[in-house]
Amino acid sequence: MPVLFIALLVAAYFFSWWPFDDTERAINNSDFNVYFYYPNEKEKFLGQVNGLPACGSTASNHASSNNISNWSYICCRIDGESSCKSKHR
């Protein structure tokens, strides 16, 4: 019986099931909505990506390809109930 419990905990961690869905690993591998902010604070939705690194790269590529400086961005973590469960950079 203890072996089954340990196996379930390991599986929960590996697949980022609750209660492990807010770990750094789970967050980095989530889906995100990418919001780009121009210097005048105008917001632009750049799309949905998988992974926090991809979110930052999407915003950076948009700024670079449009020669924009002094920009910012927000990555909104998507889950089944919310399109912006938490905000990240």
PDB file of N, CA and C in Angstrom:
ATOM      1  N   MET A   1       0.811  -1.208   0.000  1.00  0.00           N
ATOM      2  CA  MET A   1       0.000   0.000   0.000  1.00  0.00           C
ATOM      3  C   MET A   1       0.854   1.272   0.000  1.00  0.00           C
ATOM      4  N   PRO A   2       1.910   1.373   0.840  1.00  0.00           N
ATOM      5  CA  PRO A   2       2.742   2.582   0.808  1.00  0.00           C
ATOM      6  C   PRO A   2       3.412   2.791  -0.548  1.00  0.00           C
ATOM      7  N   VAL A   3       3.734   1.698  -1.249  1.00  0.00           N
ATOM      8  CA  VAL A   3       4.381   1.812  -2.552  1.00  0.00           C
ATOM      9  C   VAL A   3       3.420   2.467  -3.553  1.00  0.00           C
ATOM     10  N   LEU A   4       2.151   2.112  -3.496  1.00  0.00           N
ATOM     11  CA  LEU A   4       1.154   2.706  -4.381  1.00  0.00           C
ATOM     12  C   LEU A   4       1.015   4.201  -4.114  1.00  0.00           C
ATOM     13  N   PHE A   5       0.999   4.596  -2.849  1.00  0.00           N
ATOM     14  CA  PHE A   5       0.899   6.007  -2.473  1.00  0.00           C
ATOM     15  C   PHE A   5       2.097   6.794  -2.995  1.00  0.00           C
ATOM     16  N   ILE A   6       3.270   6.238  -2.836  1.00  0.00           N
ATOM     17  CA  ILE A   6       4.486   6.899  -3.322  1.00  0.00           C
ATOM     18  C   ILE A   6       4.450   6.997  -4.844  1.00  0.00           C
ATOM     19  N   ALA A   7       3.994   5.942  -5.510  1.00  0.00           N
ATOM     20  CA  ALA A   7       3.891   5.965  -6.969  1.00  0.00           C
ATOM     21  C   ALA A   7       2.914   7.044  -7.424  1.00  0.00           C
ATOM     22  N   LEU A   8       1.800   7.202  -6.716  1.00  0.00           N
ATOM     23  CA  LEU A   8       0.834   8.244  -7.052  1.00  0.00           C
ATOM     24  C   LEU A   8       1.421   9.633  -6.862  1.00  0.00           C
ATOM     25  N   LEU A   9       2.186   9.838  -5.800  1.00  0.00           N
ATOM     26  CA  LEU A   9       2.834  11.131  -5.577  1.00  0.00           C
ATOM     27  C   LEU A   9       3.850  11.445  -6.671  1.00  0.00           C
ATOM     28  N   VAL A  10       4.622  10.438  -7.051  1.00  0.00           N
ATOM     29  CA  VAL A  10       5.610  10.636  -8.117  1.00  0.00           C
ATOM     30  C   VAL A  10       4.901  10.971  -9.432  1.00  0.00           C
ATOM     31  N   ALA A  11       3.832  10.243  -9.743  1.00  0.00           N
ATOM     32  CA  ALA A  11       3.069  10.520 -10.964  1.00  0.00           C
ATOM     33  C   ALA A  11       2.455  11.916 -10.915  1.00  0.00           C
ATOM     34  N   ALA A  12       1.934  12.306  -9.760  1.00  0.00           N
ATOM     35  CA  ALA A  12       1.339  13.643  -9.612  1.00  0.00           C
ATOM     36  C   ALA A  12       2.378  14.725  -9.855  1.00  0.00           C
ATOM     37  N   TYR A  13       3.573  14.524  -9.354  1.00  0.00           N
ATOM     38  CA  TYR A  13       4.632  15.507  -9.579  1.00  0.00           C
ATOM     39  C   TYR A  13       5.041  15.533 -11.049  1.00  0.00           C
ATOM     40  N   PHE A  14       5.233  14.346 -11.626  1.00  0.00           N
ATOM     41  CA  PHE A  14       5.699  14.251 -13.009  1.00  0.00           C
ATOM     42  C   PHE A  14       4.703  14.867 -13.984  1.00  0.00           C
ATOM     43  N   PHE A  15       3.414  14.656 -13.772  1.00  0.00           N
ATOM     44  CA  PHE A  15       2.391  15.172 -14.675  1.00  0.00           C
ATOM     45  C   PHE A  15       1.806  16.510 -14.228  1.00  0.00           C
ATOM     46  N   SER A  16       2.391  17.107 -13.179  1.00  0.00           N
ATOM     47  CA  SER A  16       1.965  18.417 -12.654  1.00  0.00           C
ATOM     48  C   SER A  16       0.494  18.427 -12.252  1.00  0.00           C
ATOM     49  N   TRP A  17       0.042  17.343 -11.646  1.00  0.00           N
ATOM     50  CA  TRP A  17      -1.319  17.288 -11.122  1.00  0.00           C
ATOM     51  C   TRP A  17      -1.345  17.974  -9.783  1.00  0.00           C
ATOM     52  N   TRP A  18      -2.518  18.419  -9.378  1.00  0.00           N
ATOM     53  CA  TRP A  18      -2.686  18.992  -8.051  1.00  0.00           C
ATOM     54  C   TRP A  18      -2.111  18.027  -7.049  1.00  0.00           C
ATOM     55  N   PRO A  19      -1.400  18.448  -6.049  1.00  0.00           N
ATOM     56  CA  PRO A  19      -1.131  19.811  -5.601  1.00  0.00           C
ATOM     57  C   PRO A  19       0.132  20.411  -6.203  1.00  0.00           C
ATOM     58  N   PHE A  20       0.655  19.801  -7.243  1.00  0.00           N
ATOM     59  CA  PHE A  20       1.921  20.247  -7.815  1.00  0.00           C
ATOM     60  C   PHE A  20       1.753  21.175  -9.012  1.00  0.00           C
ATOM     61  N   ASP A  21       0.550  21.687  -9.263  1.00  0.00           N
ATOM     62  CA  ASP A  21       0.335  22.512 -10.452  1.00  0.00           C
ATOM     63  C   ASP A  21       0.872  23.925 -10.315  1.00  0.00           C
ATOM     64  N   ASP A  22       1.324  24.327  -9.137  1.00  0.00           N
ATOM     65  CA  ASP A  22       1.906  25.662  -8.960  1.00  0.00           C
ATOM     66  C   ASP A  22       3.414  25.615  -8.723  1.00  0.00           C
ATOM     67  N   THR A  23       4.032  24.495  -9.019  1.00  0.00           N
ATOM     68  CA  THR A  23       5.485  24.422  -8.895  1.00  0.00           C
ATOM     69  C   THR A  23       6.123  25.173 -10.062  1.00  0.00           C
ATOM     70  N   GLU A  24       7.370  25.519  -9.916  1.00  0.00           N
ATOM     71  CA  GLU A  24       8.066  26.249 -10.983  1.00  0.00           C
ATOM     72  C   GLU A  24       8.077  25.437 -12.274  1.00  0.00           C
ATOM     73  N   ARG A  25       8.280  24.148 -12.158  1.00  0.00           N
ATOM     74  CA  ARG A  25       8.294  23.281 -13.331  1.00  0.00           C
ATOM     75  C   ARG A  25       6.946  23.296 -14.036  1.00  0.00           C
ATOM     76  N   ALA A  26       5.867  23.194 -13.281  1.00  0.00           N
ATOM     77  CA  ALA A  26       4.523  23.186 -13.870  1.00  0.00           C
ATOM     78  C   ALA A  26       4.203  24.527 -14.526  1.00  0.00           C
ATOM     79  N   ILE A  27       4.571  25.603 -13.858  1.00  0.00           N
ATOM     80  CA  ILE A  27       4.307  26.938 -14.411  1.00  0.00           C
ATOM     81  C   ILE A  27       5.082  27.143 -15.706  1.00  0.00           C
ATOM     82  N   ASN A  28       6.355  26.772 -15.708  1.00  0.00           N
ATOM     83  CA  ASN A  28       7.183  26.958 -16.908  1.00  0.00           C
ATOM     84  C   ASN A  28       6.669  26.168 -18.107  1.00  0.00           C
ATOM     85  N   ASN A  29       5.934  25.085 -17.856  1.00  0.00           N
ATOM     86  CA  ASN A  29       5.442  24.235 -18.938  1.00  0.00           C
ATOM     87  C   ASN A  29       3.969  24.452 -19.245  1.00  0.00           C
ATOM     88  N   SER A  30       3.369  25.491 -18.714  1.00  0.00           N
ATOM     89  CA  SER A  30       1.955  25.777 -18.939  1.00  0.00           C
ATOM     90  C   SER A  30       1.749  26.501 -20.256  1.00  0.00           C
ATOM     91  N   ASP A  31       0.485  26.653 -20.623  1.00  0.00           N
ATOM     92  CA  ASP A  31       0.119  27.486 -21.769  1.00  0.00           C
ATOM     93  C   ASP A  31      -0.101  28.914 -21.277  1.00  0.00           C
ATOM     94  N   PHE A  32       0.295  29.887 -22.110  1.00  0.00           N
ATOM     95  CA  PHE A  32       0.202  31.292 -21.735  1.00  0.00           C
ATOM     96  C   PHE A  32      -0.392  32.126 -22.859  1.00  0.00           C
ATOM     97  N   ASN A  33      -1.144  33.142 -22.479  1.00  0.00           N
ATOM     98  CA  ASN A  33      -1.538  34.202 -23.389  1.00  0.00           C
ATOM     99  C   ASN A  33      -0.475  35.286 -23.277  1.00  0.00           C
ATOM    100  N   VAL A  34      -0.005  35.784 -24.414  1.00  0.00           N
ATOM    101  CA  VAL A  34       1.072  36.779 -24.438  1.00  0.00           C
ATOM    102  C   VAL A  34       0.477  38.156 -24.729  1.00  0.00           C
ATOM    103  N   TYR A  35       0.721  39.091 -23.821  1.00  0.00           N
ATOM    104  CA  TYR A  35       0.260  40.470 -23.998  1.00  0.00           C
ATOM    105  C   TYR A  35       1.481  41.381 -24.049  1.00  0.00           C
ATOM    106  N   PHE A  36       1.559  42.154 -25.112  1.00  0.00           N
ATOM    107  CA  PHE A  36       2.670  43.078 -25.349  1.00  0.00           C
ATOM    108  C   PHE A  36       2.192  44.487 -25.051  1.00  0.00           C
ATOM    109  N   TYR A  37       3.058  45.293 -24.405  1.00  0.00           N
ATOM    110  CA  TYR A  37       2.715  46.680 -24.080  1.00  0.00           C
ATOM    111  C   TYR A  37       3.714  47.622 -24.744  1.00  0.00           C
ATOM    112  N   TYR A  38       3.168  48.487 -25.587  1.00  0.00           N
ATOM    113  CA  TYR A  38       3.969  49.500 -26.264  1.00  0.00           C
ATOM    114  C   TYR A  38       4.364  50.592 -25.272  1.00  0.00           C
ATOM    115  N   PRO A  39       5.334  51.439 -25.639  1.00  0.00           N
ATOM    116  CA  PRO A  39       5.747  52.526 -24.738  1.00  0.00           C
ATOM    117  C   PRO A  39       4.592  53.442 -24.322  1.00  0.00           C
ATOM    118  N   ASN A  40       3.566  53.581 -25.150  1.00  0.00           N
ATOM    119  CA  ASN A  40       2.415  54.425 -24.792  1.00  0.00           C
ATOM    120  C   ASN A  40       1.359  53.665 -23.976  1.00  0.00           C
ATOM    121  N   GLU A  41       1.730  52.461 -23.498  1.00  0.00           N
ATOM    122  CA  GLU A  41       0.870  51.601 -22.665  1.00  0.00           C
ATOM    123  C   GLU A  41      -0.226  50.886 -23.451  1.00  0.00           C
ATOM    124  N   LYS A  42      -0.266  51.022 -24.770  1.00  0.00           N
ATOM    125  CA  LYS A  42      -1.239  50.304 -25.578  1.00  0.00           C
ATOM    126  C   LYS A  42      -0.912  48.813 -25.523  1.00  0.00           C
ATOM    127  N   GLU A  43      -1.949  48.007 -25.335  1.00  0.00           N
ATOM    128  CA  GLU A  43      -1.784  46.566 -25.204  1.00  0.00           C
ATOM    129  C   GLU A  43      -2.087  45.869 -26.532  1.00  0.00           C
ATOM    130  N   LYS A  44      -1.304  44.816 -26.829  1.00  0.00           N
ATOM    131  CA  LYS A  44      -1.566  44.001 -28.012  1.00  0.00           C
ATOM    132  C   LYS A  44      -1.452  42.536 -27.627  1.00  0.00           C
ATOM    133  N   PHE A  45      -2.471  41.760 -27.959  1.00  0.00           N
ATOM    134  CA  PHE A  45      -2.450  40.318 -27.723  1.00  0.00           C
ATOM    135  C   PHE A  45      -1.643  39.672 -28.845  1.00  0.00           C
ATOM    136  N   LEU A  46      -0.590  38.931 -28.477  1.00  0.00           N
ATOM    137  CA  LEU A  46       0.279  38.310 -29.471  1.00  0.00           C
ATOM    138  C   LEU A  46      -0.038  36.842 -29.717  1.00  0.00           C
ATOM    139  N   GLY A  47      -0.914  36.265 -28.914  1.00  0.00           N
ATOM    140  CA  GLY A  47      -1.284  34.869 -29.134  1.00  0.00           C
ATOM    141  C   GLY A  47      -1.044  34.000 -27.917  1.00  0.00           C
ATOM    142  N   GLN A  48      -1.186  32.711 -28.132  1.00  0.00           N
ATOM    143  CA  GLN A  48      -1.031  31.715 -27.078  1.00  0.00           C
ATOM    144  C   GLN A  48       0.202  30.876 -27.380  1.00  0.00           C
ATOM    145  N   VAL A  49       0.993  30.616 -26.344  1.00  0.00           N
ATOM    146  CA  VAL A  49       2.205  29.811 -26.495  1.00  0.00           C
ATOM    147  C   VAL A  49       2.272  28.778 -25.380  1.00  0.00           C
ATOM    148  N   ASN A  50       3.137  27.802 -25.568  1.00  0.00           N
ATOM    149  CA  ASN A  50       3.370  26.807 -24.536  1.00  0.00           C
ATOM    150  C   ASN A  50       4.732  27.063 -23.919  1.00  0.00           C
ATOM    151  N   GLY A  51       4.740  27.302 -22.620  1.00  0.00           N
ATOM    152  CA  GLY A  51       5.984  27.498 -21.896  1.00  0.00           C
ATOM    153  C   GLY A  51       6.296  28.955 -21.640  1.00  0.00           C
ATOM    154  N   LEU A  52       6.760  29.223 -20.449  1.00  0.00           N
ATOM    155  CA  LEU A  52       7.100  30.591 -20.066  1.00  0.00           C
ATOM    156  C   LEU A  52       8.249  31.158 -20.898  1.00  0.00           C
ATOM    157  N   PRO A  53       9.277  30.375 -21.210  1.00  0.00           N
ATOM    158  CA  PRO A  53      10.334  30.924 -22.070  1.00  0.00           C
ATOM    159  C   PRO A  53       9.808  31.354 -23.442  1.00  0.00           C
ATOM    160  N   ALA A  54       8.865  30.609 -23.998  1.00  0.00           N
ATOM    161  CA  ALA A  54       8.299  30.960 -25.305  1.00  0.00           C
ATOM    162  C   ALA A  54       7.514  32.262 -25.230  1.00  0.00           C
ATOM    163  N   CYS A  55       6.906  32.522 -24.098  1.00  0.00           N
ATOM    164  CA  CYS A  55       6.156  33.766 -23.924  1.00  0.00           C
ATOM    165  C   CYS A  55       7.089  34.972 -24.006  1.00  0.00           C
ATOM    166  N   GLY A  56       8.167  34.930 -23.256  1.00  0.00           N
ATOM    167  CA  GLY A  56       9.135  36.028 -23.290  1.00  0.00           C
ATOM    168  C   GLY A  56       9.764  36.194 -24.662  1.00  0.00           C
ATOM    169  N   SER A  57      10.054  35.079 -25.326  1.00  0.00           N
ATOM    170  CA  SER A  57      10.640  35.138 -26.669  1.00  0.00           C
ATOM    171  C   SER A  57       9.670  35.748 -27.669  1.00  0.00           C
ATOM    172  N   THR A  58       8.393  35.422 -27.547  1.00  0.00           N
ATOM    173  CA  THR A  58       7.387  35.976 -28.459  1.00  0.00           C
ATOM    174  C   THR A  58       7.325  37.488 -28.328  1.00  0.00           C
ATOM    175  N   ALA A  59       7.308  37.973 -27.098  1.00  0.00           N
ATOM    176  CA  ALA A  59       7.270  39.419 -26.869  1.00  0.00           C
ATOM    177  C   ALA A  59       8.550  40.085 -27.375  1.00  0.00           C
ATOM    178  N   SER A  60       9.683  39.479 -27.079  1.00  0.00           N
ATOM    179  CA  SER A  60      10.963  40.037 -27.508  1.00  0.00           C
ATOM    180  C   SER A  60      11.073  40.069 -29.034  1.00  0.00           C
ATOM    181  N   ASN A  61      10.637  39.010 -29.689  1.00  0.00           N
ATOM    182  CA  ASN A  61      10.681  38.967 -31.156  1.00  0.00           C
ATOM    183  C   ASN A  61       9.776  40.028 -31.770  1.00  0.00           C
ATOM    184  N   HIS A  62       8.611  40.252 -31.156  1.00  0.00           N
ATOM    185  CA  HIS A  62       7.708  41.288 -31.661  1.00  0.00           C
ATOM    186  C   HIS A  62       8.364  42.666 -31.553  1.00  0.00           C
ATOM    187  N   ALA A  63       8.986  42.929 -30.409  1.00  0.00           N
ATOM    188  CA  ALA A  63       9.654  44.221 -30.218  1.00  0.00           C
ATOM    189  C   ALA A  63      10.802  44.386 -31.202  1.00  0.00           C
ATOM    190  N   SER A  64      11.574  43.345 -31.369  1.00  0.00           N
ATOM    191  CA  SER A  64      12.735  43.416 -32.257  1.00  0.00           C
ATOM    192  C   SER A  64      12.320  43.603 -33.718  1.00  0.00           C
ATOM    193  N   SER A  65      11.329  42.845 -34.157  1.00  0.00           N
ATOM    194  CA  SER A  65      10.923  42.930 -35.562  1.00  0.00           C
ATOM    195  C   SER A  65      10.219  44.248 -35.893  1.00  0.00           C
ATOM    196  N   ASN A  66       9.752  44.964 -34.870  1.00  0.00           N
ATOM    197  CA  ASN A  66       9.090  46.253 -35.085  1.00  0.00           C
ATOM    198  C   ASN A  66       9.925  47.435 -34.589  1.00  0.00           C
ATOM    199  N   ASN A  67      11.191  47.173 -34.230  1.00  0.00           N
ATOM    200  CA  ASN A  67      12.114  48.209 -33.745  1.00  0.00           C
ATOM    201  C   ASN A  67      11.513  49.042 -32.618  1.00  0.00           C
ATOM    202  N   ILE A  68      10.983  48.355 -31.613  1.00  0.00           N
ATOM    203  CA  ILE A  68      10.345  49.027 -30.480  1.00  0.00           C
ATOM    204  C   ILE A  68      11.270  48.930 -29.273  1.00  0.00           C
ATOM    205  N   SER A  69      11.464  50.050 -28.584  1.00  0.00           N
ATOM    206  CA  SER A  69      12.227  50.046 -27.335  1.00  0.00           C
ATOM    207  C   SER A  69      11.295  50.471 -26.197  1.00  0.00           C
ATOM    208  N   ASN A  70      11.714  50.237 -24.989  1.00  0.00           N
ATOM    209  CA  ASN A  70      10.943  50.590 -23.783  1.00  0.00           C
ATOM    210  C   ASN A  70       9.580  49.903 -23.753  1.00  0.00           C
ATOM    211  N   TRP A  71       9.538  48.653 -24.103  1.00  0.00           N
ATOM    212  CA  TRP A  71       8.310  47.878 -24.116  1.00  0.00           C
ATOM    213  C   TRP A  71       8.251  46.973 -22.890  1.00  0.00           C
ATOM    214  N   SER A  72       7.096  46.377 -22.671  1.00  0.00           N
ATOM    215  CA  SER A  72       6.956  45.383 -21.608  1.00  0.00           C
ATOM    216  C   SER A  72       5.960  44.322 -22.062  1.00  0.00           C
ATOM    217  N   TYR A  73       5.809  43.307 -21.257  1.00  0.00           N
ATOM    218  CA  TYR A  73       4.894  42.227 -21.611  1.00  0.00           C
ATOM    219  C   TYR A  73       4.411  41.523 -20.348  1.00  0.00           C
ATOM    220  N   ILE A  74       3.341  40.787 -20.506  1.00  0.00           N
ATOM    221  CA  ILE A  74       2.806  39.948 -19.432  1.00  0.00           C
ATOM    222  C   ILE A  74       2.460  38.598 -20.037  1.00  0.00           C
ATOM    223  N   CYS A  75       2.772  37.549 -19.311  1.00  0.00           N
ATOM    224  CA  CYS A  75       2.389  36.196 -19.682  1.00  0.00           C
ATOM    225  C   CYS A  75       1.279  35.759 -18.736  1.00  0.00           C
ATOM    226  N   CYS A  76       0.096  35.520 -19.273  1.00  0.00           N
ATOM    227  CA  CYS A  76      -1.045  35.086 -18.465  1.00  0.00           C
ATOM    228  C   CYS A  76      -1.168  33.574 -18.557  1.00  0.00           C
ATOM    229  N   ARG A  77      -1.010  32.916 -17.430  1.00  0.00           N
ATOM    230  CA  ARG A  77      -1.099  31.455 -17.392  1.00  0.00           C
ATOM    231  C   ARG A  77      -2.546  31.019 -17.593  1.00  0.00           C
ATOM    232  N   ILE A  78      -2.738  30.073 -18.486  1.00  0.00           N
ATOM    233  CA  ILE A  78      -4.068  29.573 -18.820  1.00  0.00           C
ATOM    234  C   ILE A  78      -4.318  28.276 -18.071  1.00  0.00           C
ATOM    235  N   ASP A  79      -5.503  28.147 -17.511  1.00  0.00           N
ATOM    236  CA  ASP A  79      -5.932  26.845 -16.990  1.00  0.00           C
ATOM    237  C   ASP A  79      -7.375  26.625 -17.433  1.00  0.00           C
ATOM    238  N   GLY A  80      -7.969  25.541 -17.028  1.00  0.00           N
ATOM    239  CA  GLY A  80      -9.308  25.213 -17.476  1.00  0.00           C
ATOM    240  C   GLY A  80     -10.379  26.212 -17.099  1.00  0.00           C
ATOM    241  N   GLU A  81     -10.145  27.015 -16.069  1.00  0.00           N
ATOM    242  CA  GLU A  81     -11.152  27.934 -15.580  1.00  0.00           C
ATOM    243  C   GLU A  81     -10.866  29.400 -15.905  1.00  0.00           C
ATOM    244  N   SER A  82      -9.640  29.707 -16.291  1.00  0.00           N
ATOM    245  CA  SER A  82      -9.267  31.110 -16.454  1.00  0.00           C
ATOM    246  C   SER A  82      -8.290  31.284 -17.616  1.00  0.00           C
ATOM    247  N   SER A  83      -8.437  32.412 -18.308  1.00  0.00           N
ATOM    248  CA  SER A  83      -7.487  32.734 -19.372  1.00  0.00           C
ATOM    249  C   SER A  83      -6.295  33.515 -18.804  1.00  0.00           C
ATOM    250  N   CYS A  84      -6.359  33.829 -17.501  1.00  0.00           N
ATOM    251  CA  CYS A  84      -5.244  34.508 -16.842  1.00  0.00           C
ATOM    252  C   CYS A  84      -5.234  34.144 -15.360  1.00  0.00           C
ATOM    253  N   LYS A  85      -4.916  32.880 -15.086  1.00  0.00           N
ATOM    254  CA  LYS A  85      -4.883  32.389 -13.703  1.00  0.00           C
ATOM    255  C   LYS A  85      -3.843  33.137 -12.880  1.00  0.00           C
ATOM    256  N   SER A  86      -2.684  33.386 -13.498  1.00  0.00           N
ATOM    257  CA  SER A  86      -1.625  34.133 -12.829  1.00  0.00           C
ATOM    258  C   SER A  86      -0.772  34.817 -13.888  1.00  0.00           C
ATOM    259  N   LYS A  87      -0.128  35.910 -13.487  1.00  0.00           N
ATOM    260  CA  LYS A  87       0.694  36.698 -14.404  1.00  0.00           C
ATOM    261  C   LYS A  87       2.166  36.440 -14.121  1.00  0.00           C
ATOM    262  N   HIS A  88       2.934  36.340 -15.203  1.00  0.00           N
ATOM    263  CA  HIS A  88       4.368  36.017 -15.100  1.00  0.00           C
ATOM    264  C   HIS A  88       5.151  36.823 -16.116  1.00  0.00           C
ATOM    265  N   ARG A  89       6.476  36.837 -15.920  1.00  0.00           N
ATOM    266  CA  ARG A  89       7.416  37.421 -16.887  1.00  0.00           C
ATOM    267  C   ARG A  89       8.592  36.520 -17.017  1.00  0.00           C
TER     268      ARG A  89
END
